[in-house]
N, C-alpha and C. Protein backbone atom coordinates (compact mmCIF):
# COMPACT_ATOMS: atom_id res chain seq x y z
N MET A 1 67.77 88.66 135.03
CA MET A 1 69.00 89.43 135.09
C MET A 1 70.08 88.80 134.23
N LYS A 2 69.99 87.52 133.99
CA LYS A 2 70.99 86.83 133.21
C LYS A 2 70.96 87.26 131.75
N ASN A 3 69.79 87.46 131.18
CA ASN A 3 69.67 87.85 129.78
C ASN A 3 70.29 89.20 129.46
N PRO A 4 70.05 90.25 130.26
CA PRO A 4 70.70 91.53 129.96
C PRO A 4 72.22 91.44 130.00
N LEU A 5 72.74 90.68 130.95
CA LEU A 5 74.19 90.52 131.04
C LEU A 5 74.72 89.75 129.83
N ALA A 6 74.01 88.73 129.42
CA ALA A 6 74.43 87.96 128.25
C ALA A 6 74.41 88.84 127.01
N GLY A 7 73.39 89.68 126.90
CA GLY A 7 73.30 90.59 125.76
C GLY A 7 74.45 91.59 125.75
N LEU A 8 74.80 92.09 126.91
CA LEU A 8 75.91 93.03 127.03
C LEU A 8 77.23 92.37 126.65
N MET A 9 77.41 91.13 127.06
CA MET A 9 78.64 90.39 126.73
C MET A 9 78.72 90.14 125.22
N GLN A 10 77.58 89.84 124.60
CA GLN A 10 77.57 89.64 123.15
C GLN A 10 77.92 90.93 122.43
N GLN A 11 77.39 92.05 122.91
CA GLN A 11 77.71 93.35 122.30
C GLN A 11 79.20 93.66 122.44
N ALA A 12 79.76 93.36 123.60
CA ALA A 12 81.18 93.61 123.83
C ALA A 12 82.04 92.74 122.91
N GLN A 13 81.65 91.50 122.74
CA GLN A 13 82.39 90.59 121.86
C GLN A 13 82.31 91.07 120.41
N LYS A 14 81.12 91.48 119.99
CA LYS A 14 80.96 91.97 118.62
C LYS A 14 81.78 93.24 118.41
N MET A 15 81.80 94.11 119.40
CA MET A 15 82.58 95.34 119.30
C MET A 15 84.07 95.01 119.19
N GLN A 16 84.54 94.04 119.94
CA GLN A 16 85.94 93.63 119.87
C GLN A 16 86.27 93.07 118.49
N GLU A 17 85.39 92.27 117.94
CA GLU A 17 85.59 91.73 116.59
C GLU A 17 85.65 92.85 115.56
N ASN A 18 84.73 93.81 115.70
CA ASN A 18 84.72 94.95 114.77
C ASN A 18 85.98 95.78 114.91
N LEU A 19 86.44 95.98 116.14
CA LEU A 19 87.67 96.73 116.38
C LEU A 19 88.85 96.06 115.70
N THR A 20 88.96 94.76 115.85
CA THR A 20 90.05 94.01 115.22
C THR A 20 89.99 94.13 113.70
N ARG A 21 88.79 94.00 113.14
CA ARG A 21 88.62 94.12 111.69
C ARG A 21 89.02 95.51 111.19
N VAL A 22 88.57 96.53 111.88
CA VAL A 22 88.87 97.90 111.47
C VAL A 22 90.37 98.17 111.59
N GLN A 23 91.01 97.69 112.65
CA GLN A 23 92.45 97.87 112.80
C GLN A 23 93.21 97.21 111.65
N GLU A 24 92.77 96.05 111.22
CA GLU A 24 93.40 95.37 110.09
C GLU A 24 93.20 96.16 108.80
N GLU A 25 91.99 96.69 108.61
CA GLU A 25 91.72 97.51 107.42
C GLU A 25 92.59 98.76 107.40
N ILE A 26 92.71 99.40 108.55
CA ILE A 26 93.53 100.61 108.63
C ILE A 26 94.99 100.29 108.32
N ALA A 27 95.50 99.19 108.86
CA ALA A 27 96.89 98.82 108.62
C ALA A 27 97.17 98.63 107.14
N LEU A 28 96.19 98.13 106.39
CA LEU A 28 96.37 97.89 104.96
C LEU A 28 96.11 99.12 104.09
N ALA A 29 95.44 100.11 104.66
CA ALA A 29 95.11 101.31 103.90
C ALA A 29 96.37 102.10 103.56
N GLU A 30 96.34 102.83 102.46
CA GLU A 30 97.44 103.70 102.07
C GLU A 30 96.93 105.12 101.92
N VAL A 31 97.72 106.07 102.41
CA VAL A 31 97.41 107.48 102.23
C VAL A 31 98.61 108.14 101.57
N GLN A 32 98.35 109.28 100.93
CA GLN A 32 99.43 110.00 100.28
C GLN A 32 99.48 111.42 100.83
N GLY A 33 100.60 111.77 101.42
CA GLY A 33 100.84 113.13 101.86
C GLY A 33 101.64 113.84 100.80
N GLU A 34 101.45 115.14 100.70
CA GLU A 34 102.21 115.87 99.69
C GLU A 34 102.50 117.28 100.15
N SER A 35 103.47 117.89 99.48
CA SER A 35 103.82 119.27 99.74
C SER A 35 104.33 119.88 98.45
N GLY A 36 104.48 121.19 98.47
CA GLY A 36 104.97 121.88 97.27
C GLY A 36 104.05 121.72 96.08
N GLY A 37 102.75 121.68 96.35
CA GLY A 37 101.80 121.52 95.24
C GLY A 37 101.94 120.18 94.53
N GLY A 38 102.33 119.16 95.28
CA GLY A 38 102.45 117.82 94.71
C GLY A 38 103.84 117.49 94.19
N LEU A 39 104.80 118.38 94.41
CA LEU A 39 106.17 118.11 93.94
C LEU A 39 106.87 117.06 94.80
N VAL A 40 106.46 116.95 96.06
CA VAL A 40 106.97 115.90 96.95
C VAL A 40 105.77 115.12 97.47
N LYS A 41 105.82 113.79 97.31
CA LYS A 41 104.71 112.93 97.74
C LYS A 41 105.26 111.78 98.57
N VAL A 42 104.54 111.48 99.65
CA VAL A 42 104.90 110.37 100.53
C VAL A 42 103.69 109.44 100.61
N THR A 43 103.90 108.17 100.31
CA THR A 43 102.85 107.17 100.46
C THR A 43 103.15 106.38 101.72
N MET A 44 102.13 106.30 102.60
CA MET A 44 102.30 105.68 103.91
C MET A 44 101.13 104.75 104.16
N ASN A 45 101.38 103.63 104.87
CA ASN A 45 100.28 102.75 105.23
C ASN A 45 99.70 103.16 106.58
N GLY A 46 98.66 102.47 106.99
CA GLY A 46 97.98 102.79 108.23
C GLY A 46 98.81 102.56 109.48
N LYS A 47 99.92 101.88 109.34
CA LYS A 47 100.83 101.69 110.47
C LYS A 47 101.89 102.78 110.51
N ARG A 48 101.71 103.78 109.65
CA ARG A 48 102.63 104.92 109.50
C ARG A 48 104.00 104.49 109.01
N MET A 49 104.03 103.43 108.22
CA MET A 49 105.27 102.98 107.59
C MET A 49 105.31 103.55 106.18
N THR A 50 106.42 104.16 105.82
CA THR A 50 106.55 104.78 104.51
C THR A 50 106.70 103.70 103.44
N GLN A 51 105.87 103.81 102.42
CA GLN A 51 105.90 102.86 101.32
C GLN A 51 106.67 103.43 100.12
N LYS A 52 106.56 104.76 99.94
CA LYS A 52 107.17 105.36 98.76
C LYS A 52 107.40 106.85 98.99
N LEU A 53 108.47 107.37 98.45
CA LEU A 53 108.77 108.79 98.46
C LEU A 53 109.04 109.21 97.02
N GLN A 54 108.30 110.22 96.55
CA GLN A 54 108.48 110.71 95.19
C GLN A 54 108.90 112.18 95.26
N ILE A 55 109.97 112.51 94.55
CA ILE A 55 110.46 113.89 94.48
C ILE A 55 110.53 114.28 93.01
N ASP A 56 109.84 115.34 92.66
CA ASP A 56 109.84 115.81 91.28
C ASP A 56 111.27 116.21 90.89
N ASP A 57 111.65 115.86 89.67
CA ASP A 57 113.00 116.15 89.18
C ASP A 57 113.37 117.62 89.29
N SER A 58 112.41 118.50 89.13
CA SER A 58 112.70 119.94 89.16
C SER A 58 113.25 120.38 90.52
N LEU A 59 112.93 119.64 91.58
CA LEU A 59 113.40 120.01 92.91
C LEU A 59 114.84 119.60 93.16
N LEU A 60 115.37 118.71 92.36
CA LEU A 60 116.72 118.22 92.59
C LEU A 60 117.77 119.28 92.29
N GLN A 61 117.37 120.32 91.57
CA GLN A 61 118.28 121.42 91.25
C GLN A 61 118.13 122.56 92.25
N GLU A 62 117.16 122.45 93.15
CA GLU A 62 116.85 123.53 94.09
C GLU A 62 117.73 123.45 95.34
N ASP A 63 117.51 124.43 96.20
CA ASP A 63 118.20 124.55 97.47
C ASP A 63 117.91 123.32 98.35
N ARG A 64 118.93 122.76 98.95
CA ARG A 64 118.80 121.56 99.78
C ARG A 64 117.85 121.79 100.96
N ASP A 65 117.96 122.95 101.61
CA ASP A 65 117.11 123.25 102.76
C ASP A 65 115.63 123.25 102.38
N MET A 66 115.33 123.82 101.22
CA MET A 66 113.94 123.86 100.77
C MET A 66 113.43 122.44 100.51
N LEU A 67 114.26 121.62 99.87
CA LEU A 67 113.87 120.24 99.59
C LEU A 67 113.63 119.47 100.89
N GLU A 68 114.49 119.65 101.86
CA GLU A 68 114.32 118.98 103.14
C GLU A 68 113.03 119.42 103.82
N ASP A 69 112.72 120.71 103.75
CA ASP A 69 111.47 121.22 104.33
C ASP A 69 110.25 120.62 103.63
N LEU A 70 110.31 120.51 102.31
CA LEU A 70 109.19 119.93 101.56
C LEU A 70 109.00 118.46 101.90
N ILE A 71 110.10 117.73 102.06
CA ILE A 71 110.00 116.32 102.42
C ILE A 71 109.38 116.17 103.81
N ALA A 72 109.85 116.97 104.76
CA ALA A 72 109.30 116.92 106.11
C ALA A 72 107.81 117.26 106.10
N ALA A 73 107.43 118.26 105.32
CA ALA A 73 106.02 118.66 105.24
C ALA A 73 105.17 117.55 104.64
N ALA A 74 105.69 116.85 103.64
CA ALA A 74 104.95 115.74 103.02
C ALA A 74 104.77 114.60 104.01
N PHE A 75 105.80 114.29 104.80
CA PHE A 75 105.68 113.25 105.82
C PHE A 75 104.64 113.65 106.87
N ASN A 76 104.69 114.90 107.31
CA ASN A 76 103.72 115.37 108.30
C ASN A 76 102.31 115.31 107.76
N ASP A 77 102.13 115.63 106.50
CA ASP A 77 100.80 115.56 105.87
C ASP A 77 100.31 114.12 105.85
N ALA A 78 101.19 113.19 105.51
CA ALA A 78 100.81 111.77 105.47
C ALA A 78 100.44 111.26 106.87
N VAL A 79 101.22 111.62 107.87
CA VAL A 79 100.93 111.19 109.24
C VAL A 79 99.58 111.74 109.70
N ALA A 80 99.30 113.00 109.37
CA ALA A 80 98.02 113.60 109.73
C ALA A 80 96.86 112.89 109.04
N LYS A 81 97.06 112.48 107.80
CA LYS A 81 96.01 111.77 107.06
C LYS A 81 95.77 110.38 107.64
N VAL A 82 96.81 109.71 108.10
CA VAL A 82 96.64 108.40 108.75
C VAL A 82 95.84 108.59 110.04
N ALA A 83 96.16 109.62 110.81
CA ALA A 83 95.44 109.88 112.06
C ALA A 83 93.96 110.17 111.77
N ALA A 84 93.70 110.95 110.73
CA ALA A 84 92.31 111.26 110.37
C ALA A 84 91.57 110.01 109.91
N LEU A 85 92.26 109.15 109.16
CA LEU A 85 91.66 107.89 108.71
C LEU A 85 91.29 107.02 109.90
N LYS A 86 92.20 106.91 110.87
CA LYS A 86 91.94 106.11 112.06
C LYS A 86 90.75 106.67 112.84
N GLN A 87 90.71 107.98 113.00
CA GLN A 87 89.62 108.62 113.73
C GLN A 87 88.29 108.35 113.04
N GLU A 88 88.28 108.48 111.72
CA GLU A 88 87.05 108.26 110.95
C GLU A 88 86.56 106.82 111.07
N ARG A 89 87.47 105.87 110.91
CA ARG A 89 87.09 104.46 110.95
C ARG A 89 86.70 104.00 112.35
N MET A 90 87.39 104.52 113.36
CA MET A 90 87.11 104.11 114.73
C MET A 90 85.83 104.74 115.28
N SER A 91 85.45 105.90 114.76
CA SER A 91 84.27 106.59 115.29
C SER A 91 83.01 105.77 115.08
N GLY A 92 82.97 104.97 114.02
CA GLY A 92 81.81 104.13 113.77
C GLY A 92 81.68 102.97 114.74
N LEU A 93 82.76 102.62 115.41
CA LEU A 93 82.72 101.48 116.33
C LEU A 93 81.97 101.78 117.61
N THR A 94 82.00 103.03 118.04
CA THR A 94 81.36 103.35 119.30
C THR A 94 79.85 103.38 119.17
N GLY A 95 79.34 103.45 117.95
CA GLY A 95 77.91 103.36 117.69
C GLY A 95 77.09 104.15 118.66
N GLY A 96 76.23 103.50 119.38
CA GLY A 96 75.34 104.17 120.32
C GLY A 96 75.90 104.27 121.72
N LEU A 97 77.15 103.88 121.91
CA LEU A 97 77.71 103.94 123.26
C LEU A 97 77.93 105.39 123.66
N ASP A 98 77.63 105.70 124.87
CA ASP A 98 77.81 107.04 125.40
C ASP A 98 79.14 107.07 126.14
N LEU A 99 80.23 107.33 125.39
CA LEU A 99 81.56 107.33 126.00
C LEU A 99 81.88 108.71 126.55
N PRO A 100 82.65 108.76 127.63
CA PRO A 100 83.05 110.06 128.20
C PRO A 100 83.88 110.87 127.20
N ALA A 101 83.85 112.18 127.32
CA ALA A 101 84.63 113.06 126.46
C ALA A 101 86.12 112.70 126.59
N GLY A 102 86.80 112.63 125.48
CA GLY A 102 88.22 112.33 125.47
C GLY A 102 88.55 110.85 125.54
N PHE A 103 87.56 110.01 125.68
CA PHE A 103 87.78 108.57 125.74
C PHE A 103 88.06 108.06 124.35
N LYS A 104 89.18 107.36 124.17
CA LYS A 104 89.58 106.91 122.85
C LYS A 104 89.68 105.40 122.80
N LEU A 105 89.35 104.85 121.63
CA LEU A 105 89.55 103.43 121.36
C LEU A 105 90.68 103.31 120.37
N PRO A 106 91.46 102.26 120.35
CA PRO A 106 91.50 101.21 121.35
C PRO A 106 92.13 101.72 122.64
N PHE A 107 91.92 100.97 123.70
CA PHE A 107 92.32 101.40 125.03
C PHE A 107 93.79 101.58 125.18
């Protein structure tokens, strides 16, 4: 009985190490959200911190409300891409584990 428990503990430790590694990789990753056909671009890291905002010069002459909407849409696109990146990277960690529906890592 000791061997199966030891094996389970080793698997849990390896999973924790993998989780930490993946979290570090995600934090360093960069995604780019955009709107207006690429006229507004937001670069964000995996911690959802904005690294860069680019606004095409042609938009600076446009209506302020439209520009604000495009900026908000670009931020929302970037946030959605970070969430998708996290989901993709974390899904590999569960491997063969049979987790309940809706159970998310990290805890």
